[in-house]
Amino acid sequence: MGSADLLERARRLAGLTRTELARRAGTSRPTISAYLSGTKGPTLTTALRIIRAAGFDLDLVPLIEFSQVEGRAGRLLPVPTRLPRLPVGEALAQVRLPPYLNWSAPGLTYDLSDRQQRARVYEIVLREGTADDILTYIDGALLVDLWTDLILPADIRRAWAPLIEQNHSLAA
């Protein structure tokens, strides 16, 4: 994600117009427009000032990579190098899984703040999902908490067990 995308995302999430963002950041509207359109690139200091004016901050988060672990019948299972963390609003949101994941109940909405519904989503995503699906729907801390209650095939449980055990021991 480039600086223009990051600044535009902050502006939209804050619900600010370009004019209001410029006012809060202490810069002109044409300059903000140039930054948001990518025709002009802000320094890191300037980008941080604009992001903070929108009510956000920058943070470094560990990069999550995936390995492909062979499961039953030669199926490759995506397993992350570390457990993903979701913002609270996303980790406990209401979600509607895409049909390729939830083919048996398309259109069903799940409330991730409900433990049983979250467990069902996690089972579906771990069974059927891609790396992107894991990053979208799975919160690592909540997964560790649910792990013993999840109904998963042995190959998936085996592939994820080292990561879960490592993080469970850190939480203990």
Protein backbone atom coordinates (compact mmCIF):
# COMPACT_ATOMS: atom_id res chain seq x y z
CA MET A 1 0.00 0.00 0.00
CA GLY A 2 1.48 3.33 -1.06
CA SER A 3 1.30 6.59 0.83
CA ALA A 4 -1.59 7.87 -1.32
CA ASP A 5 -3.65 4.76 -0.54
CA LEU A 6 -2.80 4.94 3.15
CA LEU A 7 -3.71 8.62 3.44
CA GLU A 8 -6.93 8.16 1.49
CA ARG A 9 -7.89 5.21 3.65
CA ALA A 10 -7.30 7.24 6.82
CA ARG A 11 -9.40 10.09 5.40
CA ARG A 12 -12.29 7.79 4.48
CA LEU A 13 -12.22 5.86 7.76
CA ALA A 14 -12.31 9.17 9.64
CA GLY A 15 -15.22 10.35 7.49
CA LEU A 16 -13.40 13.57 6.61
CA THR A 17 -13.59 15.65 3.48
CA ARG A 18 -10.32 16.63 1.85
CA THR A 19 -10.92 20.19 2.98
CA GLU A 20 -11.43 19.15 6.62
CA LEU A 21 -8.39 16.87 6.57
CA ALA A 22 -6.27 19.69 5.14
CA ARG A 23 -7.52 22.07 7.85
CA ARG A 24 -6.77 19.58 10.65
CA ALA A 25 -3.33 18.77 9.20
CA GLY A 26 -2.43 22.43 8.78
CA THR A 27 -1.91 22.26 5.04
CA SER A 28 -3.75 23.37 1.91
CA ARG A 29 -6.50 21.44 0.17
CA PRO A 30 -4.56 21.30 -3.14
CA THR A 31 -1.58 19.78 -1.31
CA ILE A 32 -3.80 17.18 0.40
CA SER A 33 -5.41 16.40 -2.96
CA ALA A 34 -1.98 15.92 -4.54
CA TYR A 35 -0.95 13.54 -1.73
CA LEU A 36 -4.21 11.58 -1.90
CA SER A 37 -4.09 11.25 -5.68
CA GLY A 38 -0.44 10.22 -5.64
CA THR A 39 0.76 13.06 -7.84
CA LYS A 40 2.90 14.30 -4.95
CA GLY A 41 4.58 12.14 -2.32
CA PRO A 42 4.73 13.33 1.28
CA THR A 43 7.72 12.74 3.53
CA LEU A 44 7.20 10.19 6.29
CA THR A 45 6.93 13.03 8.82
CA THR A 46 4.25 14.77 6.72
CA ALA A 47 2.32 11.53 6.12
CA LEU A 48 2.38 10.81 9.86
CA ARG A 49 1.07 14.33 10.61
CA ILE A 50 -1.81 13.86 8.14
CA ILE A 51 -2.65 10.40 9.45
CA ARG A 52 -2.69 11.72 13.02
CA ALA A 53 -4.89 14.63 11.92
CA ALA A 54 -7.37 11.98 10.71
CA GLY A 55 -7.28 10.39 14.17
CA PHE A 56 -4.97 7.46 13.46
CA ASP A 57 -1.38 6.45 14.09
CA LEU A 58 1.10 4.31 12.22
CA ASP A 59 2.21 1.06 13.73
CA LEU A 60 4.66 -1.66 12.83
CA VAL A 61 3.10 -5.08 12.73
CA PRO A 62 4.94 -8.33 12.15
CA LEU A 63 4.78 -9.63 8.62
CA ILE A 64 2.80 -12.83 8.35
CA GLU A 65 3.92 -15.28 5.71
CA PHE A 66 2.37 -18.62 4.89
CA SER A 67 3.78 -22.05 4.25
CA GLN A 68 1.88 -24.76 2.48
CA VAL A 69 1.61 -27.89 4.61
CA GLU A 70 0.51 -31.08 2.91
CA GLY A 71 -2.75 -32.40 4.26
CA ARG A 72 -4.84 -35.42 3.43
CA ALA A 73 -5.10 -36.46 -0.20
CA GLY A 74 -2.20 -34.14 -1.05
CA ARG A 75 -4.22 -30.99 -0.33
CA LEU A 76 -2.03 -28.01 0.58
CA LEU A 77 -3.04 -26.21 3.76
CA PRO A 78 -2.04 -22.56 4.28
CA VAL A 79 -0.42 -22.13 7.71
CA PRO A 80 0.91 -18.75 8.86
CA THR A 81 4.34 -18.18 10.38
CA ARG A 82 2.64 -16.33 13.23
CA LEU A 83 -0.94 -15.91 14.35
CA PRO A 84 -2.76 -12.95 12.82
CA ARG A 85 -4.38 -10.28 14.98
CA LEU A 86 -7.47 -8.40 13.93
CA PRO A 87 -8.71 -5.05 15.19
CA VAL A 88 -11.41 -5.65 17.82
CA GLY A 89 -14.14 -4.32 15.54
CA GLU A 90 -13.24 -6.89 12.88
CA ALA A 91 -12.56 -9.76 15.30
CA LEU A 92 -16.05 -9.39 16.81
CA ALA A 93 -17.95 -8.20 13.73
CA GLN A 94 -20.90 -9.70 11.93
CA VAL A 95 -19.65 -11.40 8.77
CA ARG A 96 -21.10 -13.09 5.73
CA LEU A 97 -18.62 -15.58 4.32
CA PRO A 98 -18.23 -15.76 0.55
CA PRO A 99 -19.98 -18.71 -1.14
CA TYR A 100 -16.73 -20.57 -1.91
CA LEU A 101 -16.18 -20.81 1.87
CA ASN A 102 -19.70 -21.26 3.12
CA TRP A 103 -21.16 -23.23 0.23
CA SER A 104 -23.51 -25.19 2.52
CA ALA A 105 -25.22 -22.06 3.92
CA PRO A 106 -24.63 -19.20 1.47
CA GLY A 107 -25.75 -15.79 2.67
CA LEU A 108 -25.76 -16.74 6.35
CA THR A 109 -24.49 -13.99 8.65
CA TYR A 110 -22.31 -14.96 11.62
CA ASP A 111 -21.82 -12.87 14.75
CA LEU A 112 -18.17 -13.23 15.73
CA SER A 113 -18.89 -11.81 19.19
CA ASP A 114 -20.83 -15.04 19.85
CA ARG A 115 -18.33 -17.78 20.78
CA GLN A 116 -20.25 -20.61 19.08
CA GLN A 117 -20.74 -18.69 15.85
CA ARG A 118 -17.09 -17.60 15.88
CA ALA A 119 -16.05 -21.24 16.34
CA ARG A 120 -18.13 -22.21 13.30
CA VAL A 121 -16.55 -19.48 11.16
CA TYR A 122 -13.06 -20.51 12.29
CA GLU A 123 -13.79 -24.15 11.45
CA ILE A 124 -15.03 -23.18 7.99
CA VAL A 125 -12.10 -20.87 7.27
CA LEU A 126 -9.46 -23.33 8.52
CA ARG A 127 -11.03 -26.11 6.42
CA GLU A 128 -11.86 -24.23 3.22
CA GLY A 129 -9.99 -20.93 3.30
CA THR A 130 -6.98 -19.39 1.67
CA ALA A 131 -4.21 -17.39 3.33
CA ASP A 132 -6.19 -14.21 2.60
CA ASP A 133 -9.28 -15.69 4.25
CA ILE A 134 -7.26 -16.53 7.36
CA LEU A 135 -5.98 -12.94 7.53
CA THR A 136 -9.52 -11.61 7.04
CA TYR A 137 -11.50 -13.75 9.50
CA ILE A 138 -9.15 -15.34 12.06
CA ASP A 139 -7.86 -13.58 15.17
CA GLY A 140 -4.96 -15.54 16.65
CA ALA A 141 -5.74 -14.89 20.32
CA LEU A 142 -9.36 -15.93 19.83
CA LEU A 143 -8.24 -18.98 17.86
CA VAL A 144 -5.96 -20.11 20.70
CA ASP A 145 -8.87 -19.66 23.11
CA LEU A 146 -11.20 -21.75 20.90
CA TRP A 147 -8.65 -24.34 19.77
CA THR A 148 -9.67 -27.26 21.98
CA ASP A 149 -13.36 -26.73 21.14
CA LEU A 150 -12.98 -26.62 17.37
CA ILE A 151 -14.05 -29.61 15.31
CA LEU A 152 -11.31 -29.95 12.72
CA PRO A 153 -9.90 -32.76 10.59
CA ALA A 154 -6.73 -34.30 11.99
CA ASP A 155 -4.52 -32.98 9.17
CA ILE A 156 -5.55 -29.37 9.84
CA ARG A 157 -5.16 -29.78 13.59
CA ARG A 158 -1.71 -31.33 13.07
CA ALA A 159 -0.60 -28.56 10.68
CA TRP A 160 -1.63 -25.76 13.06
CA ALA A 161 -0.71 -27.45 16.38
CA PRO A 162 2.89 -26.17 16.67
CA LEU A 163 1.78 -22.57 16.16
CA ILE A 164 -1.13 -22.93 18.60
CA GLU A 165 1.04 -24.63 21.23
CA GLN A 166 3.74 -21.97 20.91
CA ASN A 167 1.22 -19.19 21.45
CA HIS A 168 -0.68 -21.05 24.16
CA SER A 169 2.49 -21.40 26.19
CA LEU A 170 3.19 -17.66 25.77
CA ALA A 171 -0.29 -16.88 27.13
CA ALA A 172 0.08 -19.20 30.12
